[in-house]
Amino acid sequence: MNQIIDAMLTRRSIRSFKSDPVPEDVLKRIIQAGTYAPTGRGMQSPIIIAVTNKQLRDRLSVLNAEFMGKTDFDPFYHAPVVLIVLADKSKPTYLYDGSLVMGNLMLAAHSEGLGSCWIHRAKEEFETAECKEILASLGITGDYEGIGHCVIGYANCELPEAPERKSDYIYHIK
Protein backbone atom coordinates (compact mmCIF):
# COMPACT_ATOMS: atom_id res chain seq x y z
CA MET A 1 0.00 0.00 0.00
CA ASN A 2 1.09 3.58 -0.62
CA GLN A 3 2.95 4.90 2.46
CA ILE A 4 0.92 8.11 2.67
CA ILE A 5 -2.42 6.32 2.50
CA ASP A 6 -1.16 3.76 5.00
CA ALA A 7 -0.28 6.59 7.41
CA MET A 8 -3.75 8.06 6.96
CA LEU A 9 -5.38 4.72 7.71
CA THR A 10 -3.22 3.85 10.73
CA ARG A 11 -2.76 7.21 12.53
CA ARG A 12 -4.70 7.42 15.79
CA SER A 13 -5.02 9.99 18.53
CA ILE A 14 -2.72 9.13 21.42
CA ARG A 15 -3.69 10.16 24.93
CA SER A 16 -0.75 8.86 26.93
CA PHE A 17 2.82 9.97 26.29
CA LYS A 18 6.28 9.16 27.62
CA SER A 19 8.33 12.08 28.91
CA ASP A 20 11.17 11.29 26.46
CA PRO A 21 12.13 14.36 24.41
CA VAL A 22 11.55 14.41 20.67
CA PRO A 23 14.85 14.76 18.77
CA GLU A 24 15.28 18.22 17.25
CA ASP A 25 15.76 16.92 13.69
CA VAL A 26 12.54 14.90 13.92
CA LEU A 27 10.65 17.89 15.29
CA LYS A 28 11.95 20.08 12.45
CA ARG A 29 10.72 17.58 9.84
CA ILE A 30 7.27 17.43 11.44
CA ILE A 31 6.99 21.21 11.58
CA GLN A 32 8.19 21.54 8.00
CA ALA A 33 5.47 19.11 6.91
CA GLY A 34 2.95 21.37 8.62
CA THR A 35 4.15 24.34 6.59
CA TYR A 36 3.42 22.46 3.36
CA ALA A 37 -0.29 22.02 4.06
CA PRO A 38 -2.45 23.53 1.34
CA THR A 39 -3.88 26.96 2.09
CA GLY A 40 -6.55 29.00 0.34
CA ARG A 41 -5.04 30.87 -2.62
CA GLY A 42 -1.62 29.95 -1.24
CA MET A 43 -1.92 32.74 1.34
CA GLN A 44 -0.30 30.67 4.13
CA SER A 45 -2.47 32.16 6.88
CA PRO A 46 -1.36 29.75 9.67
CA ILE A 47 1.65 29.97 11.96
CA ILE A 48 3.09 27.26 14.19
CA ILE A 49 4.51 27.88 17.65
CA ALA A 50 6.65 24.96 18.83
CA VAL A 51 6.68 24.67 22.62
CA THR A 52 9.31 22.37 24.11
CA ASN A 53 10.00 24.54 27.17
CA LYS A 54 8.49 22.48 30.01
CA GLN A 55 7.58 25.50 32.13
CA LEU A 56 5.59 27.15 29.32
CA ARG A 57 4.13 23.80 28.23
CA ASP A 58 2.90 23.18 31.76
CA ARG A 59 1.47 26.71 32.07
CA LEU A 60 -0.46 26.29 28.80
CA SER A 61 -1.74 22.92 30.04
CA VAL A 62 -3.10 24.54 33.23
CA LEU A 63 -4.73 27.33 31.23
CA ASN A 64 -6.26 24.83 28.80
CA ALA A 65 -7.59 22.72 31.69
CA GLU A 66 -9.20 25.81 33.22
CA PHE A 67 -11.22 26.26 30.02
CA MET A 68 -12.37 22.66 30.47
CA GLY A 69 -13.43 23.41 34.04
CA LYS A 70 -10.81 21.00 35.40
CA THR A 71 -7.86 21.77 37.62
CA ASP A 72 -6.30 18.35 38.22
CA PHE A 73 -5.98 17.15 34.63
CA ASP A 74 -3.31 17.54 31.95
CA PRO A 75 -5.23 18.02 28.70
CA PHE A 76 -1.92 17.57 26.84
CA TYR A 77 -1.63 14.01 28.20
CA HIS A 78 1.96 14.63 29.35
CA ALA A 79 3.24 15.06 25.78
CA PRO A 80 6.63 16.78 25.81
CA VAL A 81 5.93 18.87 22.68
CA VAL A 82 3.01 21.17 21.96
CA LEU A 83 2.73 22.60 18.45
CA ILE A 84 0.24 25.46 18.55
CA VAL A 85 -1.40 26.35 15.26
CA LEU A 86 -2.87 29.81 14.90
CA ALA A 87 -4.17 31.44 11.73
CA ASP A 88 -4.58 34.99 10.50
CA LYS A 89 -8.29 35.83 10.75
CA SER A 90 -7.99 38.41 7.96
CA LYS A 91 -7.65 35.57 5.44
CA PRO A 92 -11.01 34.11 4.35
CA THR A 93 -9.89 30.48 4.60
CA TYR A 94 -7.89 30.77 7.84
CA LEU A 95 -9.87 28.14 9.78
CA TYR A 96 -9.60 25.55 7.01
CA ASP A 97 -5.94 26.39 6.41
CA GLY A 98 -5.10 25.88 10.09
CA SER A 99 -7.04 22.61 10.16
CA LEU A 100 -5.03 21.28 7.22
CA VAL A 101 -1.80 22.23 9.00
CA MET A 102 -2.99 20.26 12.03
CA GLY A 103 -3.65 17.23 9.81
CA ASN A 104 -0.21 17.43 8.24
CA LEU A 105 1.44 17.71 11.66
CA MET A 106 -0.37 14.62 12.97
CA LEU A 107 0.42 12.56 9.88
CA ALA A 108 4.06 13.65 9.92
CA ALA A 109 4.37 12.74 13.60
CA HIS A 110 2.90 9.31 12.88
CA SER A 111 5.30 8.79 9.97
CA GLU A 112 8.18 9.53 12.37
CA GLY A 113 6.98 6.90 14.85
CA LEU A 114 5.43 9.42 17.25
CA GLY A 115 1.96 9.76 18.66
CA SER A 116 -0.13 12.89 18.37
CA CYS A 117 -3.48 14.30 19.38
CA TRP A 118 -5.42 17.43 18.42
CA ILE A 119 -6.26 19.35 21.58
CA HIS A 120 -8.90 22.06 21.36
CA ARG A 121 -9.37 25.35 23.26
CA ALA A 122 -6.47 27.15 21.54
CA LYS A 123 -9.02 29.75 20.39
CA GLU A 124 -10.02 30.52 23.97
CA GLU A 125 -6.43 30.43 25.23
CA PHE A 126 -5.11 32.88 22.67
CA GLU A 127 -7.90 35.34 23.43
CA THR A 128 -6.42 35.78 26.94
CA ALA A 129 -4.03 38.58 27.86
CA GLU A 130 -1.45 36.00 28.98
CA CYS A 131 -1.31 34.29 25.59
CA LYS A 132 -1.40 37.62 23.75
CA GLU A 133 1.73 38.49 25.74
CA ILE A 134 3.36 35.26 24.56
CA LEU A 135 2.63 36.23 20.96
CA ALA A 136 3.99 39.74 21.53
CA SER A 137 7.16 38.32 23.12
CA LEU A 138 7.71 36.35 19.90
CA GLY A 139 7.13 39.44 17.75
CA ILE A 140 3.85 38.07 16.41
CA THR A 141 1.43 40.81 15.47
CA GLY A 142 -1.91 40.64 13.71
CA ASP A 143 -5.27 39.13 14.41
CA TYR A 144 -4.59 35.43 14.97
CA GLU A 145 -7.04 32.82 16.16
CA GLY A 146 -5.95 29.63 17.90
CA ILE A 147 -6.88 26.63 15.74
CA GLY A 148 -5.51 23.81 17.87
CA HIS A 149 -2.64 22.27 19.80
CA CYS A 150 -0.94 19.29 18.21
CA VAL A 151 0.64 17.44 21.11
CA ILE A 152 3.32 14.98 20.09
CA GLY A 153 5.66 12.53 21.70
CA TYR A 154 6.38 8.85 22.11
CA ALA A 155 3.23 6.88 22.89
CA ASN A 156 3.00 5.35 26.34
CA CYS A 157 0.24 2.97 25.24
CA GLU A 158 -0.73 0.60 22.48
CA LEU A 159 -1.92 2.19 19.25
CA PRO A 160 -5.73 2.22 19.43
CA GLU A 161 -7.70 0.28 16.85
CA ALA A 162 -9.70 2.25 14.33
CA PRO A 163 -13.43 2.26 14.95
CA GLU A 164 -15.66 0.81 12.26
CA ARG A 165 -16.50 3.38 9.60
CA LYS A 166 -20.16 4.39 9.65
CA SER A 167 -22.32 2.85 6.94
CA ASP A 168 -23.49 6.15 5.49
CA TYR A 169 -20.07 7.80 5.25
CA ILE A 170 -19.87 7.76 1.44
CA TYR A 171 -22.41 8.60 -1.24
CA HIS A 172 -21.41 8.07 -4.83
CA ILE A 173 -23.05 9.75 -7.81
CA LYS A 174 -22.22 8.23 -11.21
C-alpha atoms as a PDB file:
ATOM      1  CA  MET A   1       0.000   0.000   0.000  1.00  0.00           C
ATOM      2  CA  ASN A   2       1.089   3.584  -0.622  1.00  0.00           C
ATOM      3  CA  GLN A   3       2.951   4.904   2.458  1.00  0.00           C
ATOM      4  CA  ILE A   4       0.921   8.111   2.669  1.00  0.00           C
ATOM      5  CA  ILE A   5      -2.417   6.322   2.498  1.00  0.00           C
ATOM      6  CA  ASP A   6      -1.157   3.756   5.001  1.00  0.00           C
ATOM      7  CA  ALA A   7      -0.275   6.586   7.407  1.00  0.00           C
ATOM      8  CA  MET A   8      -3.755   8.060   6.958  1.00  0.00           C
ATOM      9  CA  LEU A   9      -5.382   4.715   7.710  1.00  0.00           C
ATOM     10  CA  THR A  10      -3.223   3.853  10.732  1.00  0.00           C
ATOM     11  CA  ARG A  11      -2.756   7.205  12.530  1.00  0.00           C
ATOM     12  CA  ARG A  12      -4.705   7.419  15.788  1.00  0.00           C
ATOM     13  CA  SER A  13      -5.017   9.986  18.535  1.00  0.00           C
ATOM     14  CA  ILE A  14      -2.721   9.132  21.422  1.00  0.00           C
ATOM     15  CA  ARG A  15      -3.691  10.156  24.935  1.00  0.00           C
ATOM     16  CA  SER A  16      -0.746   8.863  26.932  1.00  0.00           C
ATOM     17  CA  PHE A  17       2.824   9.972  26.292  1.00  0.00           C
ATOM     18  CA  LYS A  18       6.276   9.159  27.621  1.00  0.00           C
ATOM     19  CA  SER A  19       8.333  12.082  28.907  1.00  0.00           C
ATOM     20  CA  ASP A  20      11.168  11.294  26.464  1.00  0.00           C
ATOM     21  CA  PRO A  21      12.134  14.357  24.410  1.00  0.00           C
ATOM     22  CA  VAL A  22      11.548  14.408  20.669  1.00  0.00           C
ATOM     23  CA  PRO A  23      14.845  14.762  18.771  1.00  0.00           C
ATOM     24  CA  GLU A  24      15.276  18.223  17.251  1.00  0.00           C
ATOM     25  CA  ASP A  25      15.758  16.922  13.693  1.00  0.00           C
ATOM     26  CA  VAL A  26      12.540  14.895  13.923  1.00  0.00           C
ATOM     27  CA  LEU A  27      10.646  17.886  15.293  1.00  0.00           C
ATOM     28  CA  LYS A  28      11.946  20.076  12.453  1.00  0.00           C
ATOM     29  CA  ARG A  29      10.717  17.577   9.836  1.00  0.00           C
ATOM     30  CA  ILE A  30       7.273  17.432  11.438  1.00  0.00           C
ATOM     31  CA  ILE A  31       6.990  21.207  11.582  1.00  0.00           C
ATOM     32  CA  GLN A  32       8.194  21.541   8.002  1.00  0.00           C
ATOM     33  CA  ALA A  33       5.472  19.108   6.908  1.00  0.00           C
ATOM     34  CA  GLY A  34       2.948  21.370   8.616  1.00  0.00           C
ATOM     35  CA  THR A  35       4.150  24.343   6.588  1.00  0.00           C
ATOM     36  CA  TYR A  36       3.420  22.461   3.358  1.00  0.00           C
ATOM     37  CA  ALA A  37      -0.290  22.019   4.060  1.00  0.00           C
ATOM     38  CA  PRO A  38      -2.453  23.529   1.343  1.00  0.00           C
ATOM     39  CA  THR A  39      -3.877  26.963   2.089  1.00  0.00           C
ATOM     40  CA  GLY A  40      -6.550  29.003   0.337  1.00  0.00           C
ATOM     41  CA  ARG A  41      -5.039  30.866  -2.619  1.00  0.00           C
ATOM     42  CA  GLY A  42      -1.617  29.946  -1.243  1.00  0.00           C
ATOM     43  CA  MET A  43      -1.921  32.738   1.344  1.00  0.00           C
ATOM     44  CA  GLN A  44      -0.303  30.667   4.134  1.00  0.00           C
ATOM     45  CA  SER A  45      -2.474  32.156   6.881  1.00  0.00           C
ATOM     46  CA  PRO A  46      -1.355  29.750   9.667  1.00  0.00           C
ATOM     47  CA  ILE A  47       1.650  29.974  11.961  1.00  0.00           C
ATOM     48  CA  ILE A  48       3.091  27.256  14.194  1.00  0.00           C
ATOM     49  CA  ILE A  49       4.505  27.875  17.654  1.00  0.00           C
ATOM     50  CA  ALA A  50       6.645  24.961  18.834  1.00  0.00           C
ATOM     51  CA  VAL A  51       6.684  24.671  22.618  1.00  0.00           C
ATOM     52  CA  THR A  52       9.306  22.370  24.111  1.00  0.00           C
ATOM     53  CA  ASN A  53       9.996  24.539  27.167  1.00  0.00           C
ATOM     54  CA  LYS A  54       8.493  22.479  30.008  1.00  0.00           C
ATOM     55  CA  GLN A  55       7.578  25.499  32.135  1.00  0.00           C
ATOM     56  CA  LEU A  56       5.588  27.147  29.323  1.00  0.00           C
ATOM     57  CA  ARG A  57       4.134  23.804  28.225  1.00  0.00           C
ATOM     58  CA  ASP A  58       2.903  23.179  31.763  1.00  0.00           C
ATOM     59  CA  ARG A  59       1.469  26.708  32.073  1.00  0.00           C
ATOM     60  CA  LEU A  60      -0.458  26.289  28.799  1.00  0.00           C
ATOM     61  CA  SER A  61      -1.736  22.924  30.042  1.00  0.00           C
ATOM     62  CA  VAL A  62      -3.099  24.542  33.229  1.00  0.00           C
ATOM     63  CA  LEU A  63      -4.728  27.331  31.230  1.00  0.00           C
ATOM     64  CA  ASN A  64      -6.256  24.833  28.805  1.00  0.00           C
ATOM     65  CA  ALA A  65      -7.594  22.724  31.687  1.00  0.00           C
ATOM     66  CA  GLU A  66      -9.200  25.813  33.224  1.00  0.00           C
ATOM     67  CA  PHE A  67     -11.220  26.260  30.019  1.00  0.00           C
ATOM     68  CA  MET A  68     -12.374  22.658  30.474  1.00  0.00           C
ATOM     69  CA  GLY A  69     -13.426  23.411  34.044  1.00  0.00           C
ATOM     70  CA  LYS A  70     -10.806  20.998  35.399  1.00  0.00           C
ATOM     71  CA  THR A  71      -7.859  21.769  37.615  1.00  0.00           C
ATOM     72  CA  ASP A  72      -6.297  18.355  38.221  1.00  0.00           C
ATOM     73  CA  PHE A  73      -5.981  17.149  34.634  1.00  0.00           C
ATOM     74  CA  ASP A  74      -3.306  17.536  31.948  1.00  0.00           C
ATOM     75  CA  PRO A  75      -5.231  18.024  28.695  1.00  0.00           C
ATOM     76  CA  PHE A  76      -1.922  17.570  26.839  1.00  0.00           C
ATOM     77  CA  TYR A  77      -1.632  14.008  28.200  1.00  0.00           C
ATOM     78  CA  HIS A  78       1.963  14.629  29.349  1.00  0.00           C
ATOM     79  CA  ALA A  79       3.236  15.060  25.779  1.00  0.00           C
ATOM     80  CA  PRO A  80       6.633  16.784  25.809  1.00  0.00           C
ATOM     81  CA  VAL A  81       5.929  18.868  22.680  1.00  0.00           C
ATOM     82  CA  VAL A  82       3.005  21.174  21.957  1.00  0.00           C
ATOM     83  CA  LEU A  83       2.733  22.603  18.453  1.00  0.00           C
ATOM     84  CA  ILE A  84       0.244  25.460  18.551  1.00  0.00           C
ATOM     85  CA  VAL A  85      -1.404  26.346  15.260  1.00  0.00           C
ATOM     86  CA  LEU A  86      -2.868  29.809  14.898  1.00  0.00           C
ATOM     87  CA  ALA A  87      -4.166  31.441  11.727  1.00  0.00           C
ATOM     88  CA  ASP A  88      -4.584  34.992  10.502  1.00  0.00           C
ATOM     89  CA  LYS A  89      -8.290  35.830  10.747  1.00  0.00           C
ATOM     90  CA  SER A  90      -7.992  38.410   7.959  1.00  0.00           C
ATOM     91  CA  LYS A  91      -7.651  35.575   5.443  1.00  0.00           C
ATOM     92  CA  PRO A  92     -11.012  34.112   4.354  1.00  0.00           C
ATOM     93  CA  THR A  93      -9.891  30.476   4.601  1.00  0.00           C
ATOM     94  CA  TYR A  94      -7.893  30.765   7.844  1.00  0.00           C
ATOM     95  CA  LEU A  95      -9.873  28.144   9.776  1.00  0.00           C
ATOM     96  CA  TYR A  96      -9.602  25.546   7.007  1.00  0.00           C
ATOM     97  CA  ASP A  97      -5.941  26.387   6.408  1.00  0.00           C
ATOM     98  CA  GLY A  98      -5.096  25.875  10.086  1.00  0.00           C
ATOM     99  CA  SER A  99      -7.037  22.611  10.158  1.00  0.00           C
ATOM    100  CA  LEU A 100      -5.033  21.285   7.223  1.00  0.00           C
ATOM    101  CA  VAL A 101      -1.798  22.230   9.004  1.00  0.00           C
ATOM    102  CA  MET A 102      -2.988  20.257  12.029  1.00  0.00           C
ATOM    103  CA  GLY A 103      -3.654  17.235   9.807  1.00  0.00           C
ATOM    104  CA  ASN A 104      -0.210  17.427   8.239  1.00  0.00           C
ATOM    105  CA  LEU A 105       1.443  17.709  11.661  1.00  0.00           C
ATOM    106  CA  MET A 106      -0.369  14.625  12.973  1.00  0.00           C
ATOM    107  CA  LEU A 107       0.418  12.556   9.876  1.00  0.00           C
ATOM    108  CA  ALA A 108       4.058  13.645   9.921  1.00  0.00           C
ATOM    109  CA  ALA A 109       4.369  12.741  13.604  1.00  0.00           C
ATOM    110  CA  HIS A 110       2.896   9.310  12.882  1.00  0.00           C
ATOM    111  CA  SER A 111       5.299   8.789   9.971  1.00  0.00           C
ATOM    112  CA  GLU A 112       8.181   9.533  12.370  1.00  0.00           C
ATOM    113  CA  GLY A 113       6.982   6.901  14.853  1.00  0.00           C
ATOM    114  CA  LEU A 114       5.434   9.419  17.253  1.00  0.00           C
ATOM    115  CA  GLY A 115       1.960   9.759  18.657  1.00  0.00           C
ATOM    116  CA  SER A 116      -0.133  12.891  18.375  1.00  0.00           C
ATOM    117  CA  CYS A 117      -3.483  14.305  19.382  1.00  0.00           C
ATOM    118  CA  TRP A 118      -5.422  17.434  18.422  1.00  0.00           C
ATOM    119  CA  ILE A 119      -6.257  19.352  21.583  1.00  0.00           C
ATOM    120  CA  HIS A 120      -8.900  22.063  21.363  1.00  0.00           C
ATOM    121  CA  ARG A 121      -9.367  25.349  23.264  1.00  0.00           C
ATOM    122  CA  ALA A 122      -6.472  27.149  21.536  1.00  0.00           C
ATOM    123  CA  LYS A 123      -9.019  29.747  20.390  1.00  0.00           C
ATOM    124  CA  GLU A 124     -10.020  30.524  23.973  1.00  0.00           C
ATOM    125  CA  GLU A 125      -6.431  30.426  25.230  1.00  0.00           C
ATOM    126  CA  PHE A 126      -5.112  32.879  22.670  1.00  0.00           C
ATOM    127  CA  GLU A 127      -7.900  35.343  23.430  1.00  0.00           C
ATOM    128  CA  THR A 128      -6.424  35.779  26.940  1.00  0.00           C
ATOM    129  CA  ALA A 129      -4.033  38.579  27.860  1.00  0.00           C
ATOM    130  CA  GLU A 130      -1.455  35.999  28.984  1.00  0.00           C
ATOM    131  CA  CYS A 131      -1.307  34.294  25.589  1.00  0.00           C
ATOM    132  CA  LYS A 132      -1.395  37.616  23.745  1.00  0.00           C
ATOM    133  CA  GLU A 133       1.730  38.492  25.745  1.00  0.00           C
ATOM    134  CA  ILE A 134       3.361  35.255  24.564  1.00  0.00           C
ATOM    135  CA  LEU A 135       2.627  36.232  20.964  1.00  0.00           C
ATOM    136  CA  ALA A 136       3.988  39.743  21.527  1.00  0.00           C
ATOM    137  CA  SER A 137       7.157  38.325  23.119  1.00  0.00           C
ATOM    138  CA  LEU A 138       7.710  36.348  19.903  1.00  0.00           C
ATOM    139  CA  GLY A 139       7.133  39.443  17.755  1.00  0.00           C
ATOM    140  CA  ILE A 140       3.854  38.067  16.406  1.00  0.00           C
ATOM    141  CA  THR A 141       1.427  40.814  15.471  1.00  0.00           C
ATOM    142  CA  GLY A 142      -1.906  40.637  13.713  1.00  0.00           C
ATOM    143  CA  ASP A 143      -5.272  39.128  14.405  1.00  0.00           C
ATOM    144  CA  TYR A 144      -4.592  35.432  14.969  1.00  0.00           C
ATOM    145  CA  GLU A 145      -7.042  32.816  16.161  1.00  0.00           C
ATOM    146  CA  GLY A 146      -5.949  29.633  17.898  1.00  0.00           C
ATOM    147  CA  ILE A 147      -6.878  26.635  15.743  1.00  0.00           C
ATOM    148  CA  GLY A 148      -5.507  23.813  17.874  1.00  0.00           C
ATOM    149  CA  HIS A 149      -2.641  22.266  19.802  1.00  0.00           C
ATOM    150  CA  CYS A 150      -0.938  19.290  18.207  1.00  0.00           C
ATOM    151  CA  VAL A 151       0.641  17.444  21.108  1.00  0.00           C
ATOM    152  CA  ILE A 152       3.322  14.979  20.090  1.00  0.00           C
ATOM    153  CA  GLY A 153       5.664  12.528  21.704  1.00  0.00           C
ATOM    154  CA  TYR A 154       6.376   8.847  22.110  1.00  0.00           C
ATOM    155  CA  ALA A 155       3.233   6.880  22.893  1.00  0.00           C
ATOM    156  CA  ASN A 156       2.999   5.350  26.345  1.00  0.00           C
ATOM    157  CA  CYS A 157       0.240   2.970  25.239  1.00  0.00           C
ATOM    158  CA  GLU A 158      -0.733   0.595  22.484  1.00  0.00           C
ATOM    159  CA  LEU A 159      -1.922   2.190  19.252  1.00  0.00           C
ATOM    160  CA  PRO A 160      -5.726   2.218  19.433  1.00  0.00           C
ATOM    161  CA  GLU A 161      -7.704   0.276  16.853  1.00  0.00           C
ATOM    162  CA  ALA A 162      -9.705   2.254  14.327  1.00  0.00           C
ATOM    163  CA  PRO A 163     -13.428   2.256  14.955  1.00  0.00           C
ATOM    164  CA  GLU A 164     -15.657   0.807  12.265  1.00  0.00           C
ATOM    165  CA  ARG A 165     -16.500   3.377   9.600  1.00  0.00           C
ATOM    166  CA  LYS A 166     -20.157   4.392   9.653  1.00  0.00           C
ATOM    167  CA  SER A 167     -22.317   2.847   6.945  1.00  0.00           C
ATOM    168  CA  ASP A 168     -23.486   6.155   5.492  1.00  0.00           C
ATOM    169  CA  TYR A 169     -20.073   7.802   5.248  1.00  0.00           C
ATOM    170  CA  ILE A 170     -19.873   7.756   1.438  1.00  0.00           C
ATOM    171  CA  TYR A 171     -22.406   8.602  -1.236  1.00  0.00           C
ATOM    172  CA  HIS A 172     -21.411   8.068  -4.830  1.00  0.00           C
ATOM    173  CA  ILE A 173     -23.046   9.745  -7.806  1.00  0.00           C
ATOM    174  CA  LYS A 174     -22.221   8.235 -11.206  1.00  0.00           C
END
